[in-house]
N, C-alpha and C. Protein backbone atom coordinates (compact mmCIF):
# COMPACT_ATOMS: atom_id res chain seq x y z
N MET A 1 206.54 74.54 48.42
CA MET A 1 206.05 74.34 49.76
C MET A 1 206.98 73.39 50.53
N LYS A 2 207.50 72.37 49.84
CA LYS A 2 208.40 71.42 50.49
C LYS A 2 209.64 72.13 51.01
N ASN A 3 210.18 73.09 50.23
CA ASN A 3 211.36 73.83 50.66
C ASN A 3 211.10 74.65 51.92
N ILE A 4 209.87 75.16 52.05
CA ILE A 4 209.52 75.92 53.26
C ILE A 4 209.58 75.01 54.48
N TYR A 5 209.03 73.80 54.37
CA TYR A 5 209.06 72.86 55.49
C TYR A 5 210.49 72.44 55.84
N ILE A 6 211.31 72.23 54.82
CA ILE A 6 212.72 71.88 55.07
C ILE A 6 213.42 73.05 55.77
N SER A 7 213.18 74.29 55.30
CA SER A 7 213.79 75.45 55.93
C SER A 7 213.32 75.62 57.36
N LEU A 8 212.02 75.44 57.60
CA LEU A 8 211.49 75.55 58.96
C LEU A 8 212.07 74.46 59.85
N GLY A 9 212.20 73.26 59.31
CA GLY A 9 212.79 72.16 60.07
C GLY A 9 214.23 72.44 60.43
N LEU A 10 214.98 72.99 59.50
CA LEU A 10 216.39 73.32 59.76
C LEU A 10 216.48 74.43 60.80
N CYS A 11 215.60 75.44 60.72
CA CYS A 11 215.59 76.50 61.72
C CYS A 11 215.28 75.93 63.10
N PHE A 12 214.29 75.03 63.20
CA PHE A 12 213.97 74.40 64.48
C PHE A 12 215.16 73.60 64.98
N LEU A 13 215.81 72.87 64.08
CA LEU A 13 216.97 72.07 64.45
C LEU A 13 218.08 72.97 65.00
N LEU A 14 218.30 74.11 64.36
CA LEU A 14 219.34 75.03 64.81
C LEU A 14 219.00 75.60 66.19
N LEU A 15 217.75 75.92 66.41
CA LEU A 15 217.35 76.46 67.70
C LEU A 15 217.39 75.40 68.79
N SER A 16 217.07 74.16 68.44
CA SER A 16 217.00 73.11 69.45
C SER A 16 218.37 72.70 69.96
N CYS A 17 219.42 72.86 69.16
CA CYS A 17 220.74 72.44 69.61
C CYS A 17 221.47 73.56 70.34
N GLY A 18 220.97 74.79 70.23
CA GLY A 18 221.65 75.90 70.88
C GLY A 18 222.86 76.32 70.06
N SER A 19 223.48 77.36 70.53
CA SER A 19 224.64 77.88 69.81
C SER A 19 225.91 77.62 70.59
N SER A 20 226.07 76.41 71.07
CA SER A 20 227.30 76.04 71.76
C SER A 20 227.73 74.68 71.25
N PHE A 21 229.01 74.39 71.41
CA PHE A 21 229.48 73.08 71.00
C PHE A 21 228.84 72.00 71.87
N GLN A 22 228.65 72.29 73.16
CA GLN A 22 228.02 71.30 74.04
C GLN A 22 226.60 70.99 73.56
N GLY A 23 225.87 72.01 73.11
CA GLY A 23 224.53 71.79 72.57
C GLY A 23 224.57 70.94 71.31
N PHE A 24 225.50 71.25 70.41
CA PHE A 24 225.69 70.47 69.19
C PHE A 24 226.01 69.02 69.55
N TYR A 25 226.94 68.84 70.47
CA TYR A 25 227.37 67.51 70.89
C TYR A 25 226.19 66.73 71.49
N ASN A 26 225.48 67.35 72.43
CA ASN A 26 224.35 66.67 73.08
C ASN A 26 223.25 66.32 72.09
N ASN A 27 223.05 67.19 71.11
CA ASN A 27 222.00 66.98 70.13
C ASN A 27 222.31 65.79 69.21
N HIS A 28 223.59 65.45 69.03
CA HIS A 28 223.96 64.44 68.04
C HIS A 28 224.68 63.21 68.56
N LYS A 29 225.05 63.17 69.83
CA LYS A 29 225.83 62.04 70.33
C LYS A 29 225.10 60.70 70.24
N THR A 30 223.80 60.73 70.14
CA THR A 30 223.03 59.48 70.02
C THR A 30 222.55 59.21 68.59
N ASP A 31 222.99 60.02 67.64
CA ASP A 31 222.61 59.79 66.23
C ASP A 31 223.14 58.45 65.75
N VAL A 32 222.38 57.79 64.93
CA VAL A 32 222.84 56.55 64.31
C VAL A 32 224.05 56.88 63.43
N GLY A 33 225.11 56.12 63.58
CA GLY A 33 226.33 56.33 62.80
C GLY A 33 227.30 57.31 63.44
N ALA A 34 226.98 57.84 64.62
CA ALA A 34 227.87 58.80 65.28
C ALA A 34 228.78 58.06 66.26
N THR A 35 230.02 58.50 66.31
CA THR A 35 230.99 58.05 67.31
C THR A 35 231.38 59.30 68.08
N SER A 36 231.34 59.23 69.40
CA SER A 36 231.65 60.43 70.17
C SER A 36 232.29 60.08 71.50
N PHE A 37 233.04 61.02 72.03
CA PHE A 37 233.53 60.92 73.39
C PHE A 37 233.81 62.31 73.93
N GLN A 38 233.69 62.42 75.24
CA GLN A 38 234.17 63.61 75.93
C GLN A 38 234.93 63.11 77.15
N VAL A 39 235.94 63.83 77.51
CA VAL A 39 236.80 63.39 78.60
C VAL A 39 236.25 63.98 79.90
N PRO A 40 235.72 63.13 80.79
CA PRO A 40 235.19 63.63 82.06
C PRO A 40 236.33 64.04 83.00
N ASN A 41 235.99 64.80 84.02
CA ASN A 41 237.00 65.33 84.95
C ASN A 41 237.89 64.26 85.54
N PHE A 42 237.32 63.11 85.93
CA PHE A 42 238.14 62.10 86.57
C PHE A 42 239.15 61.46 85.62
N MET A 43 238.99 61.70 84.32
CA MET A 43 239.92 61.14 83.34
C MET A 43 240.87 62.19 82.76
N LYS A 44 240.89 63.38 83.33
CA LYS A 44 241.75 64.44 82.80
C LYS A 44 243.22 64.03 82.76
N ALA A 45 243.62 63.14 83.67
CA ALA A 45 245.01 62.68 83.68
C ALA A 45 245.37 62.01 82.37
N LEU A 46 244.38 61.42 81.68
CA LEU A 46 244.65 60.79 80.38
C LEU A 46 245.18 61.79 79.37
N LEU A 47 244.71 63.02 79.48
CA LEU A 47 245.12 64.02 78.52
C LEU A 47 246.62 64.29 78.57
N SER A 48 247.21 64.12 79.76
CA SER A 48 248.66 64.33 79.86
C SER A 48 249.44 63.16 79.28
N GLN A 49 248.77 62.04 79.02
CA GLN A 49 249.44 60.86 78.47
C GLN A 49 249.27 60.73 76.96
N ILE A 50 248.68 61.74 76.34
CA ILE A 50 248.51 61.72 74.90
C ILE A 50 249.88 61.68 74.25
N SER A 51 249.96 61.12 73.07
CA SER A 51 251.24 60.98 72.38
C SER A 51 251.97 62.32 72.29
N PRO A 52 253.30 62.29 72.23
CA PRO A 52 254.07 63.55 72.16
C PRO A 52 253.65 64.43 70.98
N GLU A 53 253.30 63.82 69.85
CA GLU A 53 252.90 64.61 68.68
C GLU A 53 251.60 65.38 68.96
N VAL A 54 250.62 64.67 69.53
CA VAL A 54 249.34 65.31 69.84
C VAL A 54 249.54 66.34 70.94
N ASN A 55 250.30 65.97 71.97
CA ASN A 55 250.53 66.89 73.08
C ASN A 55 251.22 68.16 72.59
N GLN A 56 252.17 68.03 71.67
CA GLN A 56 252.85 69.19 71.10
C GLN A 56 251.87 70.05 70.29
N ALA A 57 250.95 69.40 69.60
CA ALA A 57 250.02 70.14 68.76
C ALA A 57 248.98 70.91 69.56
N ILE A 58 248.49 70.32 70.64
CA ILE A 58 247.39 70.98 71.35
C ILE A 58 247.76 71.54 72.70
N GLY A 59 248.84 71.09 73.30
CA GLY A 59 249.29 71.68 74.56
C GLY A 59 248.42 71.34 75.75
N ASN A 60 248.07 72.36 76.52
CA ASN A 60 247.36 72.21 77.78
C ASN A 60 245.85 72.12 77.54
N VAL A 61 245.27 70.95 77.70
CA VAL A 61 243.84 70.73 77.44
C VAL A 61 243.12 70.51 78.76
N SER A 62 242.03 71.27 78.98
CA SER A 62 241.22 71.05 80.17
C SER A 62 239.88 70.42 79.81
N ASP A 63 239.48 70.49 78.54
CA ASP A 63 238.23 69.88 78.10
C ASP A 63 238.41 69.42 76.66
N LEU A 64 237.92 68.24 76.38
CA LEU A 64 238.03 67.68 75.03
C LEU A 64 236.75 66.92 74.70
N LYS A 65 236.16 67.29 73.58
CA LYS A 65 234.98 66.58 73.07
C LYS A 65 235.24 66.26 71.60
N PHE A 66 234.74 65.12 71.18
CA PHE A 66 234.93 64.65 69.81
C PHE A 66 233.63 64.01 69.34
N ILE A 67 233.28 64.26 68.10
CA ILE A 67 232.13 63.58 67.50
C ILE A 67 232.40 63.39 66.01
N LYS A 68 232.05 62.20 65.53
CA LYS A 68 232.27 61.86 64.12
C LYS A 68 231.02 61.20 63.58
N PHE A 69 230.65 61.56 62.36
CA PHE A 69 229.48 61.02 61.69
C PHE A 69 229.92 60.33 60.42
N ASP A 70 229.48 59.09 60.24
CA ASP A 70 229.77 58.32 59.03
C ASP A 70 228.49 58.15 58.21
N ALA A 71 228.64 57.83 56.95
CA ALA A 71 227.53 57.49 56.06
C ALA A 71 226.43 58.55 56.11
N LEU A 72 226.79 59.77 55.80
CA LEU A 72 225.83 60.86 55.83
C LEU A 72 225.11 61.02 54.50
N ASN A 73 223.83 61.35 54.55
CA ASN A 73 223.17 61.75 53.32
C ASN A 73 223.37 63.26 53.16
N LYS A 74 223.03 63.78 52.02
CA LYS A 74 223.29 65.19 51.70
C LYS A 74 222.60 66.13 52.69
N PHE A 75 221.34 65.85 53.03
CA PHE A 75 220.61 66.73 53.94
C PHE A 75 221.24 66.74 55.33
N LYS A 76 221.61 65.58 55.85
CA LYS A 76 222.21 65.49 57.18
C LYS A 76 223.53 66.27 57.21
N ARG A 77 224.33 66.09 56.18
CA ARG A 77 225.62 66.79 56.10
C ARG A 77 225.39 68.30 56.07
N GLU A 78 224.46 68.76 55.25
CA GLU A 78 224.18 70.20 55.16
C GLU A 78 223.66 70.74 56.49
N SER A 79 222.84 69.97 57.19
CA SER A 79 222.32 70.45 58.47
C SER A 79 223.42 70.50 59.53
N LEU A 80 224.36 69.54 59.51
CA LEU A 80 225.49 69.58 60.45
C LEU A 80 226.36 70.81 60.20
N ILE A 81 226.60 71.12 58.93
CA ILE A 81 227.40 72.30 58.57
C ILE A 81 226.67 73.57 59.03
N ALA A 82 225.36 73.64 58.80
CA ALA A 82 224.59 74.82 59.22
C ALA A 82 224.61 74.97 60.74
N GLU A 83 224.48 73.88 61.46
CA GLU A 83 224.54 73.94 62.92
C GLU A 83 225.91 74.41 63.40
N MET A 84 226.97 73.89 62.78
CA MET A 84 228.31 74.31 63.19
C MET A 84 228.54 75.78 62.87
N ASN A 85 227.99 76.25 61.76
CA ASN A 85 228.08 77.68 61.45
C ASN A 85 227.41 78.50 62.55
N ALA A 86 226.27 78.06 63.06
CA ALA A 86 225.57 78.77 64.14
C ALA A 86 226.43 78.78 65.40
N VAL A 87 227.08 77.66 65.70
CA VAL A 87 227.94 77.59 66.89
C VAL A 87 229.12 78.54 66.75
N THR A 88 229.81 78.50 65.62
CA THR A 88 231.01 79.33 65.46
C THR A 88 230.67 80.81 65.28
N ASN A 89 229.43 81.12 64.96
CA ASN A 89 229.01 82.53 64.85
C ASN A 89 228.67 83.13 66.21
N SER A 90 228.77 82.34 67.27
CA SER A 90 228.39 82.84 68.61
C SER A 90 229.63 83.06 69.48
N GLY A 91 230.44 84.04 69.11
CA GLY A 91 231.57 84.42 69.93
C GLY A 91 232.92 83.86 69.51
N TYR A 92 232.97 83.11 68.43
CA TYR A 92 234.22 82.55 67.94
C TYR A 92 234.75 83.40 66.79
N THR A 93 236.04 83.31 66.58
CA THR A 93 236.70 83.96 65.45
C THR A 93 237.25 82.88 64.54
N ASP A 94 236.93 82.97 63.27
CA ASP A 94 237.44 81.99 62.31
C ASP A 94 238.92 82.21 62.07
N VAL A 95 239.70 81.16 62.26
CA VAL A 95 241.11 81.16 61.92
C VAL A 95 241.25 80.70 60.47
N PHE A 96 240.36 79.78 60.10
CA PHE A 96 240.39 79.22 58.75
C PHE A 96 238.99 78.71 58.43
N ARG A 97 238.56 78.94 57.22
CA ARG A 97 237.27 78.42 56.76
C ARG A 97 237.39 78.13 55.28
N LYS A 98 237.03 76.90 54.90
CA LYS A 98 237.04 76.50 53.50
C LYS A 98 235.69 75.86 53.21
N ASN A 99 234.99 76.39 52.22
CA ASN A 99 233.67 75.89 51.86
C ASN A 99 233.67 75.45 50.41
N ASP A 100 233.86 74.18 50.19
CA ASP A 100 233.75 73.59 48.86
C ASP A 100 232.57 72.63 48.87
N ILE A 101 232.13 72.23 47.71
CA ILE A 101 231.03 71.27 47.63
C ILE A 101 231.40 69.97 48.34
N GLY A 102 232.62 69.52 48.15
CA GLY A 102 233.03 68.24 48.72
C GLY A 102 233.69 68.32 50.08
N ASN A 103 234.04 69.54 50.54
CA ASN A 103 234.77 69.64 51.81
C ASN A 103 234.51 70.99 52.45
N THR A 104 234.06 70.94 53.70
CA THR A 104 233.94 72.15 54.51
C THR A 104 234.85 71.96 55.70
N ARG A 105 235.77 72.89 55.89
CA ARG A 105 236.70 72.84 57.02
C ARG A 105 236.63 74.18 57.75
N ILE A 106 236.40 74.10 59.07
CA ILE A 106 236.31 75.30 59.89
C ILE A 106 237.23 75.14 61.09
N ILE A 107 238.05 76.14 61.31
CA ILE A 107 238.85 76.21 62.53
C ILE A 107 238.48 77.56 63.14
N SER A 108 237.84 77.51 64.29
CA SER A 108 237.32 78.70 64.92
C SER A 108 237.72 78.71 66.39
N VAL A 109 238.09 79.90 66.90
CA VAL A 109 238.66 79.98 68.25
C VAL A 109 238.06 81.13 69.05
N LYS A 110 238.22 81.00 70.37
CA LYS A 110 238.01 82.11 71.30
C LYS A 110 239.38 82.39 71.90
N GLU A 111 239.66 83.68 72.11
CA GLU A 111 240.98 84.07 72.59
C GLU A 111 240.88 84.88 73.87
N LEU A 112 241.92 84.79 74.66
CA LEU A 112 242.12 85.66 75.81
C LEU A 112 243.51 86.25 75.63
N GLY A 113 243.57 87.48 75.14
CA GLY A 113 244.86 88.08 74.78
C GLY A 113 245.41 87.37 73.56
N VAL A 114 246.63 86.83 73.69
CA VAL A 114 247.26 86.15 72.56
C VAL A 114 247.19 84.62 72.71
N VAL A 115 246.39 84.15 73.66
CA VAL A 115 246.27 82.72 73.89
C VAL A 115 244.89 82.25 73.45
N VAL A 116 244.86 81.15 72.72
CA VAL A 116 243.60 80.53 72.33
C VAL A 116 243.10 79.73 73.52
N THR A 117 241.85 80.01 73.95
CA THR A 117 241.28 79.31 75.10
C THR A 117 240.27 78.23 74.71
N ASP A 118 239.64 78.39 73.56
CA ASP A 118 238.67 77.42 73.05
C ASP A 118 238.90 77.28 71.55
N ALA A 119 238.83 76.05 71.07
CA ALA A 119 239.00 75.83 69.64
C ALA A 119 237.99 74.78 69.17
N ILE A 120 237.39 75.05 68.03
CA ILE A 120 236.54 74.09 67.36
C ILE A 120 237.21 73.78 66.04
N ILE A 121 237.43 72.49 65.79
CA ILE A 121 238.03 72.03 64.54
C ILE A 121 237.01 71.12 63.89
N PHE A 122 236.47 71.57 62.77
CA PHE A 122 235.35 70.89 62.11
C PHE A 122 235.75 70.57 60.69
N ASN A 123 235.51 69.34 60.26
CA ASN A 123 235.81 68.93 58.90
C ASN A 123 234.67 68.07 58.38
N SER A 124 234.12 68.43 57.24
CA SER A 124 233.01 67.68 56.67
C SER A 124 233.27 67.38 55.20
N THR A 125 233.36 66.09 54.90
CA THR A 125 233.48 65.65 53.51
C THR A 125 232.20 64.88 53.16
N GLU A 126 232.11 64.45 51.93
CA GLU A 126 230.93 63.69 51.53
C GLU A 126 230.85 62.34 52.24
N ASN A 127 231.97 61.84 52.77
CA ASN A 127 231.99 60.54 53.44
C ASN A 127 231.87 60.60 54.95
N GLU A 128 232.40 61.68 55.56
CA GLU A 128 232.37 61.76 57.02
C GLU A 128 232.48 63.20 57.48
N THR A 129 231.92 63.45 58.65
CA THR A 129 232.02 64.75 59.29
C THR A 129 232.61 64.54 60.67
N THR A 130 233.61 65.35 61.02
CA THR A 130 234.30 65.23 62.29
C THR A 130 234.36 66.60 62.95
N ALA A 131 234.16 66.63 64.28
CA ALA A 131 234.26 67.89 65.02
C ALA A 131 234.96 67.64 66.34
N TYR A 132 235.89 68.53 66.67
CA TYR A 132 236.59 68.53 67.95
C TYR A 132 236.31 69.84 68.66
N TYR A 133 236.19 69.76 69.96
CA TYR A 133 236.15 70.96 70.80
C TYR A 133 237.28 70.81 71.81
N LEU A 134 238.13 71.81 71.88
CA LEU A 134 239.25 71.81 72.81
C LEU A 134 239.18 73.08 73.66
N GLN A 135 239.33 72.91 74.96
CA GLN A 135 239.39 74.06 75.84
C GLN A 135 240.67 73.95 76.64
N GLY A 136 241.36 75.05 76.82
CA GLY A 136 242.62 75.04 77.54
C GLY A 136 243.42 76.28 77.21
N SER A 137 244.70 76.09 76.99
CA SER A 137 245.61 77.17 76.66
C SER A 137 246.48 76.69 75.51
N PHE A 138 246.27 77.28 74.32
CA PHE A 138 246.90 76.75 73.12
C PHE A 138 247.68 77.83 72.37
N ASP A 139 248.70 77.38 71.68
CA ASP A 139 249.46 78.23 70.78
C ASP A 139 248.63 78.43 69.51
N PRO A 140 248.29 79.67 69.16
CA PRO A 140 247.46 79.91 67.97
C PRO A 140 248.05 79.33 66.69
N GLU A 141 249.38 79.32 66.56
CA GLU A 141 250.01 78.77 65.35
C GLU A 141 249.76 77.27 65.23
N LYS A 142 249.75 76.56 66.37
CA LYS A 142 249.49 75.11 66.34
C LYS A 142 248.06 74.85 65.91
N ILE A 143 247.12 75.63 66.42
CA ILE A 143 245.72 75.46 66.04
C ILE A 143 245.56 75.76 64.55
N LYS A 144 246.23 76.82 64.07
CA LYS A 144 246.15 77.18 62.65
C LYS A 144 246.68 76.07 61.75
N SER A 145 247.62 75.27 62.25
CA SER A 145 248.23 74.23 61.43
C SER A 145 247.21 73.17 61.00
N PHE A 146 246.06 73.09 61.70
CA PHE A 146 245.05 72.11 61.33
C PHE A 146 244.31 72.47 60.05
N ALA A 147 244.58 73.64 59.51
CA ALA A 147 244.01 74.00 58.22
C ALA A 147 244.53 73.08 57.12
N ASP A 148 245.74 72.55 57.33
CA ASP A 148 246.32 71.60 56.40
C ASP A 148 245.64 70.24 56.60
N GLU A 149 245.09 69.68 55.55
CA GLU A 149 244.33 68.43 55.65
C GLU A 149 245.18 67.28 56.20
N ASP A 150 246.42 67.18 55.76
CA ASP A 150 247.29 66.11 56.26
C ASP A 150 247.56 66.27 57.75
N ALA A 151 247.81 67.50 58.20
CA ALA A 151 248.06 67.75 59.63
C ALA A 151 246.82 67.42 60.45
N PHE A 152 245.64 67.80 59.93
CA PHE A 152 244.40 67.49 60.63
C PHE A 152 244.19 65.99 60.73
N ASN A 153 244.38 65.27 59.63
CA ASN A 153 244.18 63.82 59.63
C ASN A 153 245.17 63.12 60.56
N GLU A 154 246.42 63.56 60.55
CA GLU A 154 247.43 62.97 61.43
C GLU A 154 247.06 63.21 62.90
N PHE A 155 246.66 64.44 63.21
CA PHE A 155 246.23 64.78 64.56
C PHE A 155 245.04 63.91 64.98
N SER A 156 244.06 63.84 64.11
CA SER A 156 242.84 63.09 64.40
C SER A 156 243.13 61.62 64.66
N ASN A 157 243.90 61.01 63.78
CA ASN A 157 244.24 59.59 63.94
C ASN A 157 245.06 59.34 65.20
N SER A 158 246.03 60.19 65.47
CA SER A 158 246.88 60.03 66.64
C SER A 158 246.08 60.22 67.93
N LEU A 159 245.21 61.21 67.95
CA LEU A 159 244.39 61.45 69.14
C LEU A 159 243.45 60.28 69.40
N MET A 160 242.80 59.80 68.34
CA MET A 160 241.87 58.66 68.50
C MET A 160 242.62 57.44 69.01
N GLN A 161 243.78 57.15 68.46
CA GLN A 161 244.56 55.99 68.89
C GLN A 161 245.00 56.14 70.34
N SER A 162 245.49 57.32 70.71
CA SER A 162 245.93 57.56 72.08
C SER A 162 244.76 57.42 73.05
N TYR A 163 243.61 57.98 72.68
CA TYR A 163 242.45 57.92 73.57
C TYR A 163 241.99 56.48 73.75
N LYS A 164 241.90 55.73 72.65
CA LYS A 164 241.47 54.33 72.73
C LYS A 164 242.45 53.50 73.58
N THR A 165 243.73 53.74 73.41
CA THR A 165 244.74 53.01 74.18
C THR A 165 244.63 53.33 75.66
N ASN A 166 244.44 54.60 76.00
CA ASN A 166 244.39 55.01 77.40
C ASN A 166 243.07 54.68 78.07
N ILE A 167 242.00 54.59 77.32
CA ILE A 167 240.70 54.28 77.92
C ILE A 167 240.52 52.78 78.11
N ASN A 168 241.26 51.98 77.36
CA ASN A 168 241.17 50.52 77.44
C ASN A 168 242.54 49.94 77.82
N PRO A 169 243.01 50.22 79.04
CA PRO A 169 244.34 49.70 79.41
C PRO A 169 244.32 48.19 79.51
N SER A 170 245.43 47.62 79.19
CA SER A 170 245.55 46.17 79.25
C SER A 170 245.76 45.75 80.71
N PHE A 171 244.96 44.80 81.17
CA PHE A 171 245.12 44.30 82.53
C PHE A 171 246.19 43.22 82.60
N ASN A 172 246.67 42.78 81.46
CA ASN A 172 247.70 41.77 81.40
C ASN A 172 248.93 42.32 80.70
N SER A 173 249.30 43.52 81.06
CA SER A 173 250.41 44.17 80.34
C SER A 173 251.73 43.47 80.54
N GLY A 174 251.86 42.68 81.62
CA GLY A 174 253.11 41.98 81.87
C GLY A 174 253.24 40.69 81.11
N LYS A 175 252.20 40.27 80.42
CA LYS A 175 252.24 38.99 79.72
C LYS A 175 252.53 39.15 78.27
């Protein structure tokens, strides 16, 4: 009986967040232990100031959302993976998917011709779960490169550092 309630709760959770990254993001941005940001329109200029490595990897970005969860219990992690599966099953094409007990990595895209217009990059380990949503015009090979764990981690760290630096400019830069 307990499993039925857990299954019903997970189904309700999946329906309540919708099948979009924005729904997933809105549903979890206030979770305890979550770190998140989205770049509003007035800050789009920041995206052009991203480090050369990040800029080379992602190219022309018109929308960027990020969310990270730390200190997850098993149920929370499984529910995040299930929700992301629902999102990527709604009009996205998987470029890469790896499902291990200790690591789930999903790279899923929407395309217009030979150009990737939307990309979701999701990585979930036993210690942390991270998800990016990118909208713009991207080289499919660059997006595919995030299947490599080292490339994903380098991208993630560089993007976070660039975003933090650009969102918190020093007012005493001349000193």
